[in-house]
Amino acid sequence: MSSSHASLSAATDDRKARLAKLKNLKRKQPGDEIVAPESERGQSPAVEPDVSRLHVSGRNYDPETRGPKLGFEQDPTLNLDKPTLEEQAAEVEAEIKQKAAE
């Protein structure tokens, strides 16, 4: 058991050393873009990105209306070739009522 503990400890130390090297490499890397001196840069207005597009999931949120998505854009049963389950159930119910009335 002590040999497995020693190997796990060694693996942990190796991993910590690799992570420390990566951390140092990330600190030493220059910025992704080379920045021109202040005098050469044009005075362009700062464009603020739409925060709602960055942080809010698009699943239930519509960034154009800045509110929840309200249903489907088109009816999901629009292109169906066969009747829906609800329509089939209504037909069965009508048949049963007709037989019961006879």
PDB file of N, CA and C in Angstrom:
ATOM      1  N   MET A   1       0.819  -1.182   0.000  1.00  0.00           N
ATOM      2  CA  MET A   1       0.000   0.000   0.000  1.00  0.00           C
ATOM      3  C   MET A   1       0.868   1.252   0.000  1.00  0.00           C
ATOM      4  N   SER A   2       1.999   1.190   0.664  1.00  0.00           N
ATOM      5  CA  SER A   2       2.869   2.359   0.713  1.00  0.00           C
ATOM      6  C   SER A   2       3.471   2.653  -0.657  1.00  0.00           C
ATOM      7  N   SER A   3       3.675   1.610  -1.482  1.00  0.00           N
ATOM      8  CA  SER A   3       4.220   1.860  -2.819  1.00  0.00           C
ATOM      9  C   SER A   3       3.203   2.597  -3.687  1.00  0.00           C
ATOM     10  N   SER A   4       1.922   2.234  -3.559  1.00  0.00           N
ATOM     11  CA  SER A   4       0.906   2.948  -4.340  1.00  0.00           C
ATOM     12  C   SER A   4       0.756   4.382  -3.832  1.00  0.00           C
ATOM     13  N   HIS A   5       0.881   4.550  -2.519  1.00  0.00           N
ATOM     14  CA  HIS A   5       0.807   5.896  -1.949  1.00  0.00           C
ATOM     15  C   HIS A   5       1.978   6.743  -2.439  1.00  0.00           C
ATOM     16  N   ALA A   6       3.155   6.135  -2.506  1.00  0.00           N
ATOM     17  CA  ALA A   6       4.336   6.857  -2.967  1.00  0.00           C
ATOM     18  C   ALA A   6       4.198   7.229  -4.444  1.00  0.00           C
ATOM     19  N   SER A   7       3.664   6.311  -5.256  1.00  0.00           N
ATOM     20  CA  SER A   7       3.513   6.620  -6.680  1.00  0.00           C
ATOM     21  C   SER A   7       2.452   7.700  -6.889  1.00  0.00           C
ATOM     22  N   LEU A   8       1.379   7.668  -6.097  1.00  0.00           N
ATOM     23  CA  LEU A   8       0.365   8.718  -6.198  1.00  0.00           C
ATOM     24  C   LEU A   8       0.933  10.068  -5.767  1.00  0.00           C
ATOM     25  N   SER A   9       1.746  10.043  -4.729  1.00  0.00           N
ATOM     26  CA  SER A   9       2.372  11.273  -4.256  1.00  0.00           C
ATOM     27  C   SER A   9       3.317  11.837  -5.312  1.00  0.00           C
ATOM     28  N   ALA A  10       4.077  10.954  -5.951  1.00  0.00           N
ATOM     29  CA  ALA A  10       4.997  11.396  -7.000  1.00  0.00           C
ATOM     30  C   ALA A  10       4.219  11.962  -8.190  1.00  0.00           C
ATOM     31  N   ALA A  11       3.122  11.308  -8.554  1.00  0.00           N
ATOM     32  CA  ALA A  11       2.306  11.797  -9.664  1.00  0.00           C
ATOM     33  C   ALA A  11       1.709  13.162  -9.331  1.00  0.00           C
ATOM     34  N   THR A  12       1.302  13.342  -8.092  1.00  0.00           N
ATOM     35  CA  THR A  12       0.749  14.625  -7.657  1.00  0.00           C
ATOM     36  C   THR A  12       1.801  15.719  -7.744  1.00  0.00           C
ATOM     37  N   ASP A  13       3.008  15.408  -7.281  1.00  0.00           N
ATOM     38  CA  ASP A  13       4.087  16.396  -7.335  1.00  0.00           C
ATOM     39  C   ASP A  13       4.432  16.764  -8.778  1.00  0.00           C
ATOM     40  N   ASP A  14       4.458  15.756  -9.670  1.00  0.00           N
ATOM     41  CA  ASP A  14       4.732  16.026 -11.085  1.00  0.00           C
ATOM     42  C   ASP A  14       3.662  16.946 -11.680  1.00  0.00           C
ATOM     43  N   ARG A  15       2.424  16.660 -11.359  1.00  0.00           N
ATOM     44  CA  ARG A  15       1.318  17.463 -11.885  1.00  0.00           C
ATOM     45  C   ARG A  15       1.406  18.901 -11.374  1.00  0.00           C
ATOM     46  N   LYS A  16       1.719  19.050 -10.098  1.00  0.00           N
ATOM     47  CA  LYS A  16       1.854  20.397  -9.538  1.00  0.00           C
ATOM     48  C   LYS A  16       2.986  21.158 -10.221  1.00  0.00           C
ATOM     49  N   ALA A  17       4.089  20.463 -10.508  1.00  0.00           N
ATOM     50  CA  ALA A  17       5.220  21.114 -11.167  1.00  0.00           C
ATOM     51  C   ALA A  17       4.839  21.546 -12.585  1.00  0.00           C
ATOM     52  N   ARG A  18       4.117  20.680 -13.317  1.00  0.00           N
ATOM     53  CA  ARG A  18       3.690  21.033 -14.671  1.00  0.00           C
ATOM     54  C   ARG A  18       2.736  22.225 -14.659  1.00  0.00           C
ATOM     55  N   LEU A  19       1.818  22.235 -13.709  1.00  0.00           N
ATOM     56  CA  LEU A  19       0.879  23.349 -13.611  1.00  0.00           C
ATOM     57  C   LEU A  19       1.592  24.655 -13.273  1.00  0.00           C
ATOM     58  N   ALA A  20       2.609  24.578 -12.408  1.00  0.00           N
ATOM     59  CA  ALA A  20       3.376  25.777 -12.061  1.00  0.00           C
ATOM     60  C   ALA A  20       4.121  26.306 -13.285  1.00  0.00           C
ATOM     61  N   LYS A  21       4.691  25.396 -14.104  1.00  0.00           N
ATOM     62  CA  LYS A  21       5.380  25.819 -15.324  1.00  0.00           C
ATOM     63  C   LYS A  21       4.407  26.501 -16.279  1.00  0.00           C
ATOM     64  N   LEU A  22       3.212  25.917 -16.448  1.00  0.00           N
ATOM     65  CA  LEU A  22       2.216  26.521 -17.329  1.00  0.00           C
ATOM     66  C   LEU A  22       1.796  27.899 -16.833  1.00  0.00           C
ATOM     67  N   LYS A  23       1.654  28.021 -15.530  1.00  0.00           N
ATOM     68  CA  LYS A  23       1.259  29.302 -14.949  1.00  0.00           C
ATOM     69  C   LYS A  23       2.319  30.360 -15.232  1.00  0.00           C
ATOM     70  N   ASN A  24       3.601  29.979 -15.098  1.00  0.00           N
ATOM     71  CA  ASN A  24       4.685  30.916 -15.374  1.00  0.00           C
ATOM     72  C   ASN A  24       4.743  31.277 -16.853  1.00  0.00           C
ATOM     73  N   LEU A  25       4.492  30.300 -17.737  1.00  0.00           N
ATOM     74  CA  LEU A  25       4.499  30.577 -19.168  1.00  0.00           C
ATOM     75  C   LEU A  25       3.400  31.568 -19.531  1.00  0.00           C
ATOM     76  N   LYS A  26       2.231  31.396 -18.939  1.00  0.00           N
ATOM     77  CA  LYS A  26       1.124  32.302 -19.239  1.00  0.00           C
ATOM     78  C   LYS A  26       1.426  33.716 -18.773  1.00  0.00           C
ATOM     79  N   ARG A  27       2.141  33.849 -17.667  1.00  0.00           N
ATOM     80  CA  ARG A  27       2.493  35.180 -17.169  1.00  0.00           C
ATOM     81  C   ARG A  27       3.496  35.856 -18.087  1.00  0.00           C
ATOM     82  N   LYS A  28       4.424  35.072 -18.671  1.00  0.00           N
ATOM     83  CA  LYS A  28       5.492  35.637 -19.484  1.00  0.00           C
ATOM     84  C   LYS A  28       5.035  36.004 -20.886  1.00  0.00           C
ATOM     85  N   GLN A  29       3.919  35.439 -21.368  1.00  0.00           N
ATOM     86  CA  GLN A  29       3.481  35.695 -22.732  1.00  0.00           C
ATOM     87  C   GLN A  29       3.030  37.142 -22.880  1.00  0.00           C
ATOM     88  N   PRO A  30       3.464  37.790 -23.987  1.00  0.00           N
ATOM     89  CA  PRO A  30       2.992  39.166 -24.233  1.00  0.00           C
ATOM     90  C   PRO A  30       1.523  39.128 -24.640  1.00  0.00           C
ATOM     91  N   GLY A  31       0.912  40.282 -24.686  1.00  0.00           N
ATOM     92  CA  GLY A  31      -0.492  40.367 -25.087  1.00  0.00           C
ATOM     93  C   GLY A  31      -0.682  39.826 -26.490  1.00  0.00           C
ATOM     94  N   ASP A  32      -1.891  39.461 -26.815  1.00  0.00           N
ATOM     95  CA  ASP A  32      -2.178  38.878 -28.122  1.00  0.00           C
ATOM     96  C   ASP A  32      -1.969  39.871 -29.261  1.00  0.00           C
ATOM     97  N   GLU A  33      -2.184  41.126 -29.003  1.00  0.00           N
ATOM     98  CA  GLU A  33      -2.005  42.109 -30.056  1.00  0.00           C
ATOM     99  C   GLU A  33      -0.976  43.143 -29.614  1.00  0.00           C
ATOM    100  N   ILE A  34      -0.243  43.636 -30.572  1.00  0.00           N
ATOM    101  CA  ILE A  34       0.757  44.653 -30.273  1.00  0.00           C
ATOM    102  C   ILE A  34       0.043  45.999 -30.278  1.00  0.00           C
ATOM    103  N   VAL A  35       0.182  46.725 -29.198  1.00  0.00           N
ATOM    104  CA  VAL A  35      -0.532  47.981 -29.036  1.00  0.00           C
ATOM    105  C   VAL A  35       0.348  49.120 -29.523  1.00  0.00           C
ATOM    106  N   ALA A  36      -0.224  49.974 -30.365  1.00  0.00           N
ATOM    107  CA  ALA A  36       0.506  51.135 -30.872  1.00  0.00           C
ATOM    108  C   ALA A  36       0.582  52.190 -29.779  1.00  0.00           C
ATOM    109  N   PRO A  37       1.593  53.066 -29.866  1.00  0.00           N
ATOM    110  CA  PRO A  37       1.666  54.154 -28.880  1.00  0.00           C
ATOM    111  C   PRO A  37       0.406  55.016 -28.938  1.00  0.00           C
ATOM    112  N   GLU A  38       0.169  55.756 -27.869  1.00  0.00           N
ATOM    113  CA  GLU A  38      -1.056  56.551 -27.755  1.00  0.00           C
ATOM    114  C   GLU A  38      -1.222  57.539 -28.911  1.00  0.00           C
ATOM    115  N   SER A  39      -0.118  58.144 -29.375  1.00  0.00           N
ATOM    116  CA  SER A  39      -0.226  59.166 -30.414  1.00  0.00           C
ATOM    117  C   SER A  39      -0.641  58.574 -31.759  1.00  0.00           C
ATOM    118  N   GLU A  40      -0.294  57.321 -32.032  1.00  0.00           N
ATOM    119  CA  GLU A  40      -0.617  56.701 -33.311  1.00  0.00           C
ATOM    120  C   GLU A  40      -2.031  56.139 -33.354  1.00  0.00           C
ATOM    121  N   ARG A  41      -2.612  55.903 -32.220  1.00  0.00           N
ATOM    122  CA  ARG A  41      -3.956  55.341 -32.187  1.00  0.00           C
ATOM    123  C   ARG A  41      -4.990  56.398 -32.534  1.00  0.00           C
ATOM    124  N   GLY A  42      -5.967  56.000 -33.324  1.00  0.00           N
ATOM    125  CA  GLY A  42      -7.058  56.910 -33.656  1.00  0.00           C
ATOM    126  C   GLY A  42      -8.021  57.004 -32.488  1.00  0.00           C
ATOM    127  N   GLN A  43      -8.695  58.115 -32.397  1.00  0.00           N
ATOM    128  CA  GLN A  43      -9.652  58.300 -31.317  1.00  0.00           C
ATOM    129  C   GLN A  43     -10.989  57.698 -31.729  1.00  0.00           C
ATOM    130  N   SER A  44     -11.070  56.394 -31.718  1.00  0.00           N
ATOM    131  CA  SER A  44     -12.330  55.740 -32.069  1.00  0.00           C
ATOM    132  C   SER A  44     -13.167  55.561 -30.810  1.00  0.00           C
ATOM    133  N   PRO A  45     -14.465  55.760 -30.940  1.00  0.00           N
ATOM    134  CA  PRO A  45     -15.322  55.587 -29.762  1.00  0.00           C
ATOM    135  C   PRO A  45     -15.326  54.126 -29.322  1.00  0.00           C
ATOM    136  N   ALA A  46     -15.331  53.950 -28.036  1.00  0.00           N
ATOM    137  CA  ALA A  46     -15.332  52.594 -27.494  1.00  0.00           C
ATOM    138  C   ALA A  46     -16.693  51.956 -27.749  1.00  0.00           C
ATOM    139  N   VAL A  47     -16.671  50.812 -28.411  1.00  0.00           N
ATOM    140  CA  VAL A  47     -17.909  50.101 -28.702  1.00  0.00           C
ATOM    141  C   VAL A  47     -18.121  49.077 -27.598  1.00  0.00           C
ATOM    142  N   GLU A  48     -19.184  49.259 -26.863  1.00  0.00           N
ATOM    143  CA  GLU A  48     -19.473  48.329 -25.777  1.00  0.00           C
ATOM    144  C   GLU A  48     -20.269  47.151 -26.325  1.00  0.00           C
ATOM    145  N   PRO A  49     -19.808  45.930 -26.097  1.00  0.00           N
ATOM    146  CA  PRO A  49     -20.568  44.774 -26.575  1.00  0.00           C
ATOM    147  C   PRO A  49     -21.860  44.637 -25.783  1.00  0.00           C
ATOM    148  N   ASP A  50     -22.850  44.059 -26.430  1.00  0.00           N
ATOM    149  CA  ASP A  50     -24.138  43.852 -25.773  1.00  0.00           C
ATOM    150  C   ASP A  50     -23.963  42.800 -24.688  1.00  0.00           C
ATOM    151  N   VAL A  51     -24.098  43.224 -23.456  1.00  0.00           N
ATOM    152  CA  VAL A  51     -23.862  42.343 -22.318  1.00  0.00           C
ATOM    153  C   VAL A  51     -24.854  41.190 -22.308  1.00  0.00           C
ATOM    154  N   SER A  52     -26.069  41.439 -22.763  1.00  0.00           N
ATOM    155  CA  SER A  52     -27.071  40.376 -22.754  1.00  0.00           C
ATOM    156  C   SER A  52     -26.688  39.256 -23.712  1.00  0.00           C
ATOM    157  N   ARG A  53     -25.982  39.572 -24.780  1.00  0.00           N
ATOM    158  CA  ARG A  53     -25.550  38.518 -25.706  1.00  0.00           C
ATOM    159  C   ARG A  53     -24.377  37.721 -25.138  1.00  0.00           C
ATOM    160  N   LEU A  54     -23.576  38.349 -24.292  1.00  0.00           N
ATOM    161  CA  LEU A  54     -22.405  37.673 -23.751  1.00  0.00           C
ATOM    162  C   LEU A  54     -22.742  36.729 -22.607  1.00  0.00           C
ATOM    163  N   HIS A  55     -23.608  37.171 -21.711  1.00  0.00           N
ATOM    164  CA  HIS A  55     -23.786  36.446 -20.466  1.00  0.00           C
ATOM    165  C   HIS A  55     -25.066  35.637 -20.365  1.00  0.00           C
ATOM    166  N   VAL A  56     -26.050  35.925 -21.193  1.00  0.00           N
ATOM    167  CA  VAL A  56     -27.337  35.257 -21.056  1.00  0.00           C
ATOM    168  C   VAL A  56     -27.445  34.164 -22.103  1.00  0.00           C
ATOM    169  N   SER A  57     -27.884  33.005 -21.684  1.00  0.00           N
ATOM    170  CA  SER A  57     -28.056  31.886 -22.592  1.00  0.00           C
ATOM    171  C   SER A  57     -29.140  32.207 -23.609  1.00  0.00           C
ATOM    172  N   GLY A  58     -28.968  31.741 -24.825  1.00  0.00           N
ATOM    173  CA  GLY A  58     -29.960  31.987 -25.859  1.00  0.00           C
ATOM    174  C   GLY A  58     -31.102  31.009 -25.843  1.00  0.00           C
ATOM    175  N   ARG A  59     -31.110  30.115 -24.894  1.00  0.00           N
ATOM    176  CA  ARG A  59     -32.125  29.071 -24.885  1.00  0.00           C
ATOM    177  C   ARG A  59     -33.515  29.622 -24.584  1.00  0.00           C
ATOM    178  N   ASN A  60     -33.654  30.430 -23.563  1.00  0.00           N
ATOM    179  CA  ASN A  60     -34.956  30.955 -23.173  1.00  0.00           C
ATOM    180  C   ASN A  60     -35.012  32.472 -23.241  1.00  0.00           C
ATOM    181  N   TYR A  61     -33.965  33.099 -23.744  1.00  0.00           N
ATOM    182  CA  TYR A  61     -33.883  34.558 -23.748  1.00  0.00           C
ATOM    183  C   TYR A  61     -33.709  35.057 -25.170  1.00  0.00           C
ATOM    184  N   ASP A  62     -34.496  36.031 -25.541  1.00  0.00           N
ATOM    185  CA  ASP A  62     -34.408  36.622 -26.867  1.00  0.00           C
ATOM    186  C   ASP A  62     -33.715  37.975 -26.749  1.00  0.00           C
ATOM    187  N   PRO A  63     -32.463  38.100 -27.222  1.00  0.00           N
ATOM    188  CA  PRO A  63     -31.740  39.359 -27.039  1.00  0.00           C
ATOM    189  C   PRO A  63     -32.339  40.519 -27.835  1.00  0.00           C
ATOM    190  N   GLU A  64     -33.046  40.253 -28.938  1.00  0.00           N
ATOM    191  CA  GLU A  64     -33.642  41.340 -29.711  1.00  0.00           C
ATOM    192  C   GLU A  64     -34.753  42.029 -28.929  1.00  0.00           C
ATOM    193  N   THR A  65     -35.604  41.241 -28.290  1.00  0.00           N
ATOM    194  CA  THR A  65     -36.707  41.825 -27.519  1.00  0.00           C
ATOM    195  C   THR A  65     -36.315  42.062 -26.071  1.00  0.00           C
ATOM    196  N   ARG A  66     -35.144  41.558 -25.680  1.00  0.00           N
ATOM    197  CA  ARG A  66     -34.654  41.652 -24.296  1.00  0.00           C
ATOM    198  C   ARG A  66     -35.667  41.084 -23.313  1.00  0.00           C
ATOM    199  N   GLY A  67     -36.165  39.914 -23.658  1.00  0.00           N
ATOM    200  CA  GLY A  67     -37.134  39.255 -22.794  1.00  0.00           C
ATOM    201  C   GLY A  67     -37.155  37.768 -23.073  1.00  0.00           C
ATOM    202  N   PRO A  68     -38.076  37.048 -22.446  1.00  0.00           N
ATOM    203  CA  PRO A  68     -38.145  35.604 -22.662  1.00  0.00           C
ATOM    204  C   PRO A  68     -38.658  35.283 -24.057  1.00  0.00           C
ATOM    205  N   LYS A  69     -38.238  34.144 -24.580  1.00  0.00           N
ATOM    206  CA  LYS A  69     -38.761  33.687 -25.856  1.00  0.00           C
ATOM    207  C   LYS A  69     -40.204  33.265 -25.645  1.00  0.00           C
ATOM    208  N   LEU A  70     -41.044  33.685 -26.543  1.00  0.00           N
ATOM    209  CA  LEU A  70     -42.470  33.436 -26.383  1.00  0.00           C
ATOM    210  C   LEU A  70     -42.938  32.389 -27.388  1.00  0.00           C
ATOM    211  N   GLY A  71     -42.654  31.148 -27.115  1.00  0.00           N
ATOM    212  CA  GLY A  71     -43.162  30.059 -27.940  1.00  0.00           C
ATOM    213  C   GLY A  71     -42.341  29.819 -29.184  1.00  0.00           C
ATOM    214  N   PHE A  72     -42.971  29.196 -30.155  1.00  0.00           N
ATOM    215  CA  PHE A  72     -42.310  28.797 -31.386  1.00  0.00           C
ATOM    216  C   PHE A  72     -42.403  29.908 -32.421  1.00  0.00           C
ATOM    217  N   GLU A  73     -41.435  29.944 -33.322  1.00  0.00           N
ATOM    218  CA  GLU A  73     -41.495  30.904 -34.415  1.00  0.00           C
ATOM    219  C   GLU A  73     -42.512  30.461 -35.454  1.00  0.00           C
ATOM    220  N   GLN A  74     -42.674  29.154 -35.616  1.00  0.00           N
ATOM    221  CA  GLN A  74     -43.725  28.620 -36.478  1.00  0.00           C
ATOM    222  C   GLN A  74     -44.344  27.423 -35.777  1.00  0.00           C
ATOM    223  N   ASP A  75     -45.563  27.115 -36.137  1.00  0.00           N
ATOM    224  CA  ASP A  75     -46.302  26.033 -35.506  1.00  0.00           C
ATOM    225  C   ASP A  75     -45.570  24.705 -35.731  1.00  0.00           C
ATOM    226  N   PRO A  76     -45.269  23.934 -34.680  1.00  0.00           N
ATOM    227  CA  PRO A  76     -44.537  22.683 -34.861  1.00  0.00           C
ATOM    228  C   PRO A  76     -45.331  21.627 -35.619  1.00  0.00           C
ATOM    229  N   THR A  77     -46.640  21.761 -35.691  1.00  0.00           N
ATOM    230  CA  THR A  77     -47.459  20.779 -36.414  1.00  0.00           C
ATOM    231  C   THR A  77     -47.747  21.226 -37.834  1.00  0.00           C
ATOM    232  N   LEU A  78     -47.084  22.258 -38.302  1.00  0.00           N
ATOM    233  CA  LEU A  78     -47.368  22.823 -39.614  1.00  0.00           C
ATOM    234  C   LEU A  78     -47.050  21.850 -40.749  1.00  0.00           C
ATOM    235  N   ASN A  79     -45.968  21.115 -40.657  1.00  0.00           N
ATOM    236  CA  ASN A  79     -45.531  20.251 -41.751  1.00  0.00           C
ATOM    237  C   ASN A  79     -45.753  18.771 -41.474  1.00  0.00           C
ATOM    238  N   LEU A  80     -46.675  18.432 -40.587  1.00  0.00           N
ATOM    239  CA  LEU A  80     -46.917  17.026 -40.278  1.00  0.00           C
ATOM    240  C   LEU A  80     -47.816  16.389 -41.332  1.00  0.00           C
ATOM    241  N   ASP A  81     -47.470  15.151 -41.726  1.00  0.00           N
ATOM    242  CA  ASP A  81     -48.276  14.423 -42.702  1.00  0.00           C
ATOM    243  C   ASP A  81     -49.395  13.642 -42.029  1.00  0.00           C
ATOM    244  N   LYS A  82     -49.170  13.218 -40.812  1.00  0.00           N
ATOM    245  CA  LYS A  82     -50.166  12.414 -40.103  1.00  0.00           C
ATOM    246  C   LYS A  82     -50.765  13.222 -38.957  1.00  0.00           C
ATOM    247  N   PRO A  83     -51.936  12.816 -38.467  1.00  0.00           N
ATOM    248  CA  PRO A  83     -52.568  13.569 -37.374  1.00  0.00           C
ATOM    249  C   PRO A  83     -51.768  13.445 -36.077  1.00  0.00           C
ATOM    250  N   THR A  84     -51.903  14.449 -35.245  1.00  0.00           N
ATOM    251  CA  THR A  84     -51.207  14.431 -33.963  1.00  0.00           C
ATOM    252  C   THR A  84     -51.903  13.475 -33.008  1.00  0.00           C
ATOM    253  N   LEU A  85     -51.259  13.206 -31.901  1.00  0.00           N
ATOM    254  CA  LEU A  85     -51.815  12.309 -30.896  1.00  0.00           C
ATOM    255  C   LEU A  85     -53.116  12.868 -30.331  1.00  0.00           C
ATOM    256  N   GLU A  86     -53.174  14.166 -30.156  1.00  0.00           N
ATOM    257  CA  GLU A  86     -54.391  14.788 -29.633  1.00  0.00           C
ATOM    258  C   GLU A  86     -55.548  14.620 -30.601  1.00  0.00           C
ATOM    259  N   GLU A  87     -55.269  14.777 -31.905  1.00  0.00           N
ATOM    260  CA  GLU A  87     -56.318  14.596 -32.913  1.00  0.00           C
ATOM    261  C   GLU A  87     -56.792  13.149 -32.945  1.00  0.00           C
ATOM    262  N   GLN A  88     -55.859  12.207 -32.830  1.00  0.00           N
ATOM    263  CA  GLN A  88     -56.244  10.791 -32.794  1.00  0.00           C
ATOM    264  C   GLN A  88     -57.094  10.494 -31.571  1.00  0.00           C
ATOM    265  N   ALA A  89     -56.725  11.062 -30.432  1.00  0.00           N
ATOM    266  CA  ALA A  89     -57.493  10.846 -29.204  1.00  0.00           C
ATOM    267  C   ALA A  89     -58.891  11.430 -29.338  1.00  0.00           C
ATOM    268  N   ALA A  90     -59.022  12.574 -29.977  1.00  0.00           N
ATOM    269  CA  ALA A  90     -60.342  13.177 -30.179  1.00  0.00           C
ATOM    270  C   ALA A  90     -61.204  12.297 -31.073  1.00  0.00           C
ATOM    271  N   GLU A  91     -60.606  11.694 -32.107  1.00  0.00           N
ATOM    272  CA  GLU A  91     -61.356  10.784 -32.985  1.00  0.00           C
ATOM    273  C   GLU A  91     -61.822   9.554 -32.226  1.00  0.00           C
ATOM    274  N   VAL A  92     -60.942   8.971 -31.409  1.00  0.00           N
ATOM    275  CA  VAL A  92     -61.305   7.789 -30.619  1.00  0.00           C
ATOM    276  C   VAL A  92     -62.420   8.146 -29.645  1.00  0.00           C
ATOM    277  N   GLU A  93     -62.318   9.303 -29.024  1.00  0.00           N
ATOM    278  CA  GLU A  93     -63.348   9.740 -28.076  1.00  0.00           C
ATOM    279  C   GLU A  93     -64.691   9.913 -28.779  1.00  0.00           C
ATOM    280  N   ALA A  94     -64.678  10.487 -29.975  1.00  0.00           N
ATOM    281  CA  ALA A  94     -65.921  10.673 -30.730  1.00  0.00           C
ATOM    282  C   ALA A  94     -66.528   9.330 -31.112  1.00  0.00           C
ATOM    283  N   GLU A  95     -65.698   8.361 -31.507  1.00  0.00           N
ATOM    284  CA  GLU A  95     -66.198   7.022 -31.858  1.00  0.00           C
ATOM    285  C   GLU A  95     -66.835   6.347 -30.650  1.00  0.00           C
ATOM    286  N   ILE A  96     -66.186   6.456 -29.505  1.00  0.00           N
ATOM    287  CA  ILE A  96     -66.706   5.822 -28.285  1.00  0.00           C
ATOM    288  C   ILE A  96     -68.033   6.464 -27.887  1.00  0.00           C
ATOM    289  N   LYS A  97     -68.126   7.778 -27.969  1.00  0.00           N
ATOM    290  CA  LYS A  97     -69.378   8.462 -27.632  1.00  0.00           C
ATOM    291  C   LYS A  97     -70.487   8.063 -28.600  1.00  0.00           C
ATOM    292  N   GLN A  98     -70.134   7.894 -29.868  1.00  0.00           N
ATOM    293  CA  GLN A  98     -71.131   7.500 -30.870  1.00  0.00           C
ATOM    294  C   GLN A  98     -71.634   6.089 -30.587  1.00  0.00           C
ATOM    295  N   LYS A  99     -70.725   5.157 -30.251  1.00  0.00           N
ATOM    296  CA  LYS A  99     -71.118   3.778 -29.940  1.00  0.00           C
ATOM    297  C   LYS A  99     -71.938   3.726 -28.658  1.00  0.00           C
ATOM    298  N   ALA A 100     -71.601   4.557 -27.694  1.00  0.00           N
ATOM    299  CA  ALA A 100     -72.341   4.579 -26.431  1.00  0.00           C
ATOM    300  C   ALA A 100     -73.745   5.133 -26.640  1.00  0.00           C
ATOM    301  N   ALA A 101     -73.902   6.051 -27.578  1.00  0.00           N
ATOM    302  CA  ALA A 101     -75.219   6.632 -27.844  1.00  0.00           C
ATOM    303  C   ALA A 101     -76.130   5.646 -28.570  1.00  0.00           C
ATOM    304  N   GLU A 102     -75.573   4.678 -29.275  1.00  0.00           N
ATOM    305  CA  GLU A 102     -76.384   3.711 -30.033  1.00  0.00           C
ATOM    306  C   GLU A 102     -76.961   2.662 -29.178  1.00  0.00           C
TER     307      GLU A 102
END
